[in-house]
Amino acid sequence: MGITGVLLIICGAGLSWAAEATASGRMGINSLVGIRVGYVTVSEPAWRAGHRAARPLTHAAAGVFAALGIFALVFCGAESTSDAAIISGSLLVLGLILAAAVKANRAARAVVLAASPHGRA
């Protein structure tokens, strides 16, 4: 579980970095990093608004990744316990990321509708 722990910590750090880069506008719409659902990719303002709205949940998911990595490094001998914890934690990360995507889409939709002359997308 040593390599798994290290990889989970790296994933957490990378996800946290991506959350900040996209929410701050340092990283605009692209095909590699960020939330790409519905309204989020319609415009740069929608992209930033969506990522700012999703930032807390994305950081929470990054924190869970990092905690899972530390757990895997500390409890690497208890295979059955650590495997169940890693799977459960990964499902928690998935839930947080899905919630972040929904929140991002709602925030981006509000920006797109506000910019529309008739209040429609």
N, C-alpha and C. Protein backbone atom coordinates (compact mmCIF):
# COMPACT_ATOMS: atom_id res chain seq x y z
N MET A 1 0.82 -1.21 0.00
CA MET A 1 0.00 0.00 0.00
C MET A 1 0.86 1.26 0.00
N GLY A 2 2.17 1.11 0.05
CA GLY A 2 3.05 2.28 0.08
C GLY A 2 2.89 3.15 -1.15
N ILE A 3 2.95 2.52 -2.33
CA ILE A 3 2.82 3.29 -3.56
C ILE A 3 1.41 3.86 -3.69
N THR A 4 0.41 3.12 -3.24
CA THR A 4 -0.96 3.62 -3.27
C THR A 4 -1.10 4.87 -2.43
N GLY A 5 -0.52 4.85 -1.23
CA GLY A 5 -0.58 6.02 -0.36
C GLY A 5 0.07 7.24 -0.99
N VAL A 6 1.23 7.04 -1.58
CA VAL A 6 1.93 8.16 -2.23
C VAL A 6 1.10 8.69 -3.40
N LEU A 7 0.55 7.79 -4.19
CA LEU A 7 -0.26 8.23 -5.34
C LEU A 7 -1.51 8.98 -4.90
N LEU A 8 -2.14 8.53 -3.82
CA LEU A 8 -3.34 9.23 -3.32
C LEU A 8 -2.98 10.63 -2.83
N ILE A 9 -1.86 10.77 -2.16
CA ILE A 9 -1.42 12.10 -1.70
C ILE A 9 -1.13 13.00 -2.90
N ILE A 10 -0.49 12.47 -3.91
CA ILE A 10 -0.21 13.24 -5.13
C ILE A 10 -1.52 13.66 -5.81
N CYS A 11 -2.49 12.75 -5.86
CA CYS A 11 -3.80 13.08 -6.45
C CYS A 11 -4.46 14.21 -5.67
N GLY A 12 -4.40 14.15 -4.35
CA GLY A 12 -4.98 15.21 -3.53
C GLY A 12 -4.31 16.55 -3.78
N ALA A 13 -2.99 16.55 -3.85
CA ALA A 13 -2.26 17.80 -4.11
C ALA A 13 -2.59 18.34 -5.50
N GLY A 14 -2.64 17.45 -6.49
CA GLY A 14 -2.97 17.88 -7.85
C GLY A 14 -4.38 18.42 -7.98
N LEU A 15 -5.31 17.78 -7.30
CA LEU A 15 -6.70 18.24 -7.34
C LEU A 15 -6.84 19.59 -6.66
N SER A 16 -6.16 19.78 -5.54
CA SER A 16 -6.19 21.06 -4.85
C SER A 16 -5.59 22.17 -5.71
N TRP A 17 -4.47 21.87 -6.37
CA TRP A 17 -3.85 22.85 -7.26
C TRP A 17 -4.81 23.22 -8.41
N ALA A 18 -5.45 22.21 -8.99
CA ALA A 18 -6.37 22.45 -10.10
C ALA A 18 -7.56 23.29 -9.66
N ALA A 19 -8.06 23.03 -8.44
CA ALA A 19 -9.18 23.82 -7.92
C ALA A 19 -8.81 25.30 -7.83
N GLU A 20 -7.62 25.58 -7.35
CA GLU A 20 -7.19 26.97 -7.23
C GLU A 20 -6.90 27.61 -8.58
N ALA A 21 -6.24 26.88 -9.46
CA ALA A 21 -5.88 27.43 -10.77
C ALA A 21 -7.11 27.76 -11.60
N THR A 22 -8.13 26.92 -11.55
CA THR A 22 -9.33 27.16 -12.35
C THR A 22 -10.22 28.22 -11.71
N ALA A 23 -10.34 28.20 -10.39
CA ALA A 23 -11.21 29.17 -9.71
C ALA A 23 -10.64 30.58 -9.77
N SER A 24 -9.31 30.70 -9.79
CA SER A 24 -8.69 32.02 -9.81
C SER A 24 -8.61 32.61 -11.22
N GLY A 25 -8.82 31.78 -12.22
CA GLY A 25 -8.72 32.25 -13.60
C GLY A 25 -7.33 32.08 -14.19
N ARG A 26 -6.38 31.55 -13.41
CA ARG A 26 -5.03 31.30 -13.95
C ARG A 26 -5.08 30.23 -15.04
N MET A 27 -6.05 29.34 -14.95
CA MET A 27 -6.22 28.32 -15.98
C MET A 27 -7.62 28.46 -16.56
N GLY A 28 -7.69 28.86 -17.80
CA GLY A 28 -8.97 29.03 -18.46
C GLY A 28 -9.50 27.73 -19.03
N ILE A 29 -10.53 27.85 -19.83
CA ILE A 29 -11.15 26.67 -20.44
C ILE A 29 -10.09 25.91 -21.24
N ASN A 30 -10.02 24.61 -20.99
CA ASN A 30 -9.05 23.76 -21.67
C ASN A 30 -9.62 22.35 -21.74
N SER A 31 -8.90 21.46 -22.38
CA SER A 31 -9.41 20.10 -22.54
C SER A 31 -8.77 19.11 -21.57
N LEU A 32 -7.98 19.59 -20.62
CA LEU A 32 -7.28 18.67 -19.73
C LEU A 32 -7.69 18.80 -18.27
N VAL A 33 -7.76 20.02 -17.75
CA VAL A 33 -7.98 20.24 -16.32
C VAL A 33 -9.23 21.06 -16.10
N GLY A 34 -10.05 20.63 -15.15
CA GLY A 34 -11.22 21.40 -14.78
C GLY A 34 -12.52 20.64 -14.95
N ILE A 35 -13.59 21.29 -14.51
CA ILE A 35 -14.92 20.71 -14.61
C ILE A 35 -15.51 21.10 -15.96
N ARG A 36 -15.85 20.11 -16.75
CA ARG A 36 -16.40 20.38 -18.08
C ARG A 36 -17.77 19.74 -18.20
N VAL A 37 -18.75 20.43 -17.63
CA VAL A 37 -20.15 19.97 -17.72
C VAL A 37 -21.01 21.15 -18.14
N GLY A 38 -22.05 20.87 -18.87
CA GLY A 38 -23.08 21.85 -19.22
C GLY A 38 -22.60 23.26 -19.47
N TYR A 39 -23.02 24.15 -18.61
CA TYR A 39 -22.78 25.59 -18.78
C TYR A 39 -21.35 26.03 -18.44
N VAL A 40 -20.59 25.21 -17.78
CA VAL A 40 -19.27 25.63 -17.29
C VAL A 40 -18.34 26.02 -18.44
N THR A 41 -18.46 25.37 -19.57
CA THR A 41 -17.55 25.65 -20.69
C THR A 41 -18.11 26.64 -21.70
N VAL A 42 -19.21 27.29 -21.39
CA VAL A 42 -19.83 28.21 -22.34
C VAL A 42 -18.98 29.46 -22.55
N SER A 43 -18.38 29.96 -21.46
CA SER A 43 -17.57 31.18 -21.56
C SER A 43 -16.57 31.21 -20.41
N GLU A 44 -15.58 32.07 -20.54
CA GLU A 44 -14.60 32.23 -19.46
C GLU A 44 -15.25 32.68 -18.15
N PRO A 45 -16.18 33.66 -18.18
CA PRO A 45 -16.84 34.03 -16.91
C PRO A 45 -17.62 32.88 -16.29
N ALA A 46 -18.28 32.07 -17.11
CA ALA A 46 -19.02 30.92 -16.59
C ALA A 46 -18.04 29.88 -16.02
N TRP A 47 -16.91 29.70 -16.69
CA TRP A 47 -15.87 28.77 -16.22
C TRP A 47 -15.38 29.18 -14.83
N ARG A 48 -15.02 30.45 -14.69
CA ARG A 48 -14.53 30.93 -13.39
C ARG A 48 -15.59 30.84 -12.31
N ALA A 49 -16.81 31.25 -12.63
CA ALA A 49 -17.90 31.20 -11.64
C ALA A 49 -18.18 29.77 -11.20
N GLY A 50 -18.21 28.87 -12.15
CA GLY A 50 -18.46 27.47 -11.83
C GLY A 50 -17.37 26.89 -10.94
N HIS A 51 -16.12 27.18 -11.27
CA HIS A 51 -15.02 26.64 -10.48
C HIS A 51 -14.91 27.31 -9.11
N ARG A 52 -15.27 28.58 -9.03
CA ARG A 52 -15.29 29.23 -7.70
C ARG A 52 -16.36 28.59 -6.82
N ALA A 53 -17.50 28.29 -7.40
CA ALA A 53 -18.58 27.67 -6.63
C ALA A 53 -18.20 26.25 -6.19
N ALA A 54 -17.48 25.55 -7.03
CA ALA A 54 -17.11 24.16 -6.74
C ALA A 54 -15.86 24.05 -5.87
N ARG A 55 -15.14 25.13 -5.69
CA ARG A 55 -13.85 25.08 -4.99
C ARG A 55 -13.92 24.42 -3.61
N PRO A 56 -14.86 24.77 -2.72
CA PRO A 56 -14.86 24.12 -1.40
C PRO A 56 -15.04 22.60 -1.47
N LEU A 57 -15.94 22.15 -2.32
CA LEU A 57 -16.15 20.70 -2.45
C LEU A 57 -14.95 20.02 -3.09
N THR A 58 -14.31 20.69 -4.04
CA THR A 58 -13.14 20.13 -4.69
C THR A 58 -11.99 20.01 -3.70
N HIS A 59 -11.81 21.04 -2.87
CA HIS A 59 -10.77 20.97 -1.84
C HIS A 59 -11.09 19.88 -0.82
N ALA A 60 -12.36 19.69 -0.50
CA ALA A 60 -12.75 18.61 0.42
C ALA A 60 -12.36 17.25 -0.18
N ALA A 61 -12.62 17.08 -1.47
CA ALA A 61 -12.25 15.83 -2.14
C ALA A 61 -10.73 15.65 -2.13
N ALA A 62 -10.00 16.73 -2.35
CA ALA A 62 -8.53 16.66 -2.31
C ALA A 62 -8.06 16.28 -0.91
N GLY A 63 -8.70 16.82 0.10
CA GLY A 63 -8.35 16.48 1.48
C GLY A 63 -8.62 15.02 1.79
N VAL A 64 -9.70 14.49 1.27
CA VAL A 64 -10.01 13.07 1.47
C VAL A 64 -8.95 12.22 0.78
N PHE A 65 -8.55 12.60 -0.44
CA PHE A 65 -7.48 11.88 -1.12
C PHE A 65 -6.22 11.85 -0.26
N ALA A 66 -5.82 13.01 0.24
CA ALA A 66 -4.60 13.10 1.05
C ALA A 66 -4.72 12.26 2.33
N ALA A 67 -5.87 12.34 2.99
CA ALA A 67 -6.09 11.55 4.21
C ALA A 67 -6.04 10.05 3.91
N LEU A 68 -6.62 9.66 2.78
CA LEU A 68 -6.57 8.25 2.38
C LEU A 68 -5.13 7.81 2.13
N GLY A 69 -4.36 8.70 1.52
CA GLY A 69 -2.95 8.38 1.27
C GLY A 69 -2.17 8.19 2.55
N ILE A 70 -2.40 9.08 3.51
CA ILE A 70 -1.72 8.94 4.79
C ILE A 70 -2.17 7.66 5.49
N PHE A 71 -3.47 7.40 5.45
CA PHE A 71 -4.01 6.17 6.04
C PHE A 71 -3.35 4.94 5.41
N ALA A 72 -3.24 4.94 4.10
CA ALA A 72 -2.64 3.80 3.40
C ALA A 72 -1.19 3.63 3.80
N LEU A 73 -0.47 4.72 3.99
CA LEU A 73 0.93 4.62 4.38
C LEU A 73 1.09 4.11 5.82
N VAL A 74 0.21 4.55 6.70
CA VAL A 74 0.31 4.17 8.11
C VAL A 74 -0.17 2.74 8.36
N PHE A 75 -1.27 2.37 7.71
CA PHE A 75 -1.88 1.07 7.97
C PHE A 75 -1.65 0.08 6.82
N CYS A 76 -0.50 0.15 6.19
CA CYS A 76 -0.26 -0.68 5.02
C CYS A 76 -0.22 -2.17 5.36
N GLY A 77 -0.03 -2.56 6.63
CA GLY A 77 0.03 -3.97 6.99
C GLY A 77 -1.34 -4.60 7.14
N ALA A 78 -2.35 -3.82 7.46
CA ALA A 78 -3.70 -4.36 7.67
C ALA A 78 -4.47 -4.30 6.36
N GLU A 79 -4.16 -5.23 5.47
CA GLU A 79 -4.69 -5.19 4.11
C GLU A 79 -6.22 -5.08 4.04
N SER A 80 -6.94 -5.95 4.74
CA SER A 80 -8.39 -5.93 4.61
C SER A 80 -8.99 -4.63 5.14
N THR A 81 -8.44 -4.11 6.22
CA THR A 81 -8.93 -2.85 6.78
C THR A 81 -8.62 -1.68 5.85
N SER A 82 -7.40 -1.62 5.37
CA SER A 82 -7.02 -0.48 4.53
C SER A 82 -7.70 -0.55 3.16
N ASP A 83 -7.90 -1.75 2.61
CA ASP A 83 -8.59 -1.86 1.33
C ASP A 83 -10.02 -1.32 1.44
N ALA A 84 -10.73 -1.71 2.48
CA ALA A 84 -12.11 -1.24 2.67
C ALA A 84 -12.14 0.27 2.87
N ALA A 85 -11.19 0.79 3.63
CA ALA A 85 -11.14 2.24 3.87
C ALA A 85 -10.83 3.00 2.59
N ILE A 86 -9.92 2.49 1.79
CA ILE A 86 -9.55 3.15 0.53
C ILE A 86 -10.75 3.16 -0.41
N ILE A 87 -11.45 2.06 -0.50
CA ILE A 87 -12.63 1.99 -1.38
C ILE A 87 -13.72 2.93 -0.88
N SER A 88 -13.98 2.92 0.42
CA SER A 88 -15.00 3.81 0.99
C SER A 88 -14.63 5.27 0.78
N GLY A 89 -13.37 5.59 1.04
CA GLY A 89 -12.92 6.96 0.85
C GLY A 89 -12.98 7.39 -0.60
N SER A 90 -12.67 6.48 -1.50
CA SER A 90 -12.75 6.79 -2.93
C SER A 90 -14.19 7.07 -3.36
N LEU A 91 -15.13 6.34 -2.78
CA LEU A 91 -16.55 6.62 -3.07
C LEU A 91 -16.96 7.99 -2.53
N LEU A 92 -16.41 8.36 -1.37
CA LEU A 92 -16.66 9.69 -0.82
C LEU A 92 -16.10 10.76 -1.76
N VAL A 93 -14.90 10.55 -2.27
CA VAL A 93 -14.30 11.49 -3.23
C VAL A 93 -15.19 11.62 -4.46
N LEU A 94 -15.67 10.50 -4.97
CA LEU A 94 -16.55 10.52 -6.14
C LEU A 94 -17.80 11.35 -5.85
N GLY A 95 -18.41 11.14 -4.69
CA GLY A 95 -19.60 11.91 -4.33
C GLY A 95 -19.31 13.40 -4.24
N LEU A 96 -18.18 13.76 -3.65
CA LEU A 96 -17.81 15.18 -3.54
C LEU A 96 -17.57 15.80 -4.91
N ILE A 97 -16.92 15.07 -5.80
CA ILE A 97 -16.65 15.59 -7.14
C ILE A 97 -17.95 15.74 -7.94
N LEU A 98 -18.85 14.79 -7.80
CA LEU A 98 -20.14 14.91 -8.49
C LEU A 98 -20.93 16.10 -7.94
N ALA A 99 -20.92 16.29 -6.64
CA ALA A 99 -21.60 17.45 -6.04
C ALA A 99 -20.95 18.74 -6.50
N ALA A 100 -19.64 18.75 -6.62
CA ALA A 100 -18.93 19.94 -7.10
C ALA A 100 -19.32 20.26 -8.54
N ALA A 101 -19.46 19.24 -9.37
CA ALA A 101 -19.85 19.45 -10.77
C ALA A 101 -21.26 20.03 -10.86
N VAL A 102 -22.16 19.53 -10.04
CA VAL A 102 -23.54 20.06 -10.03
C VAL A 102 -23.54 21.52 -9.60
N LYS A 103 -22.79 21.81 -8.53
CA LYS A 103 -22.72 23.19 -8.03
C LYS A 103 -22.07 24.12 -9.06
N ALA A 104 -21.04 23.63 -9.73
CA ALA A 104 -20.37 24.43 -10.76
C ALA A 104 -21.32 24.72 -11.91
N ASN A 105 -22.07 23.73 -12.34
CA ASN A 105 -22.99 23.93 -13.46
C ASN A 105 -24.07 24.95 -13.10
N ARG A 106 -24.59 24.88 -11.87
CA ARG A 106 -25.61 25.84 -11.45
C ARG A 106 -25.07 27.27 -11.43
N ALA A 107 -23.86 27.44 -10.90
CA ALA A 107 -23.27 28.78 -10.85
C ALA A 107 -22.97 29.30 -12.25
N ALA A 108 -22.46 28.44 -13.12
CA ALA A 108 -22.17 28.84 -14.49
C ALA A 108 -23.45 29.17 -15.25
N ARG A 109 -24.49 28.41 -15.00
CA ARG A 109 -25.79 28.67 -15.65
C ARG A 109 -26.29 30.06 -15.29
N ALA A 110 -26.15 30.44 -14.02
CA ALA A 110 -26.60 31.77 -13.60
C ALA A 110 -25.83 32.86 -14.34
N VAL A 111 -24.54 32.65 -14.55
CA VAL A 111 -23.72 33.64 -15.28
C VAL A 111 -24.16 33.72 -16.74
N VAL A 112 -24.38 32.56 -17.35
CA VAL A 112 -24.79 32.53 -18.76
C VAL A 112 -26.15 33.18 -18.94
N LEU A 113 -27.09 32.87 -18.05
CA LEU A 113 -28.42 33.46 -18.16
C LEU A 113 -28.40 34.96 -17.91
N ALA A 114 -27.56 35.41 -16.99
CA ALA A 114 -27.45 36.84 -16.71
C ALA A 114 -26.88 37.59 -17.92
N ALA A 115 -26.02 36.94 -18.67
CA ALA A 115 -25.41 37.57 -19.86
C ALA A 115 -26.31 37.51 -21.08
N SER A 116 -27.31 36.66 -21.04
CA SER A 116 -28.22 36.50 -22.18
C SER A 116 -29.20 37.67 -22.25
N PRO A 117 -29.44 38.22 -23.42
CA PRO A 117 -30.34 39.39 -23.53
C PRO A 117 -31.77 39.10 -23.07
N HIS A 118 -32.19 37.86 -23.16
CA HIS A 118 -33.57 37.52 -22.79
C HIS A 118 -33.63 36.64 -21.56
N GLY A 119 -32.49 36.47 -20.88
CA GLY A 119 -32.46 35.64 -19.68
C GLY A 119 -32.61 34.16 -19.96
N ARG A 120 -32.29 33.76 -21.20
CA ARG A 120 -32.36 32.34 -21.59
C ARG A 120 -31.05 31.93 -22.21
N ALA A 121 -30.71 30.66 -22.01
CA ALA A 121 -29.48 30.15 -22.61
C ALA A 121 -29.68 29.78 -24.05
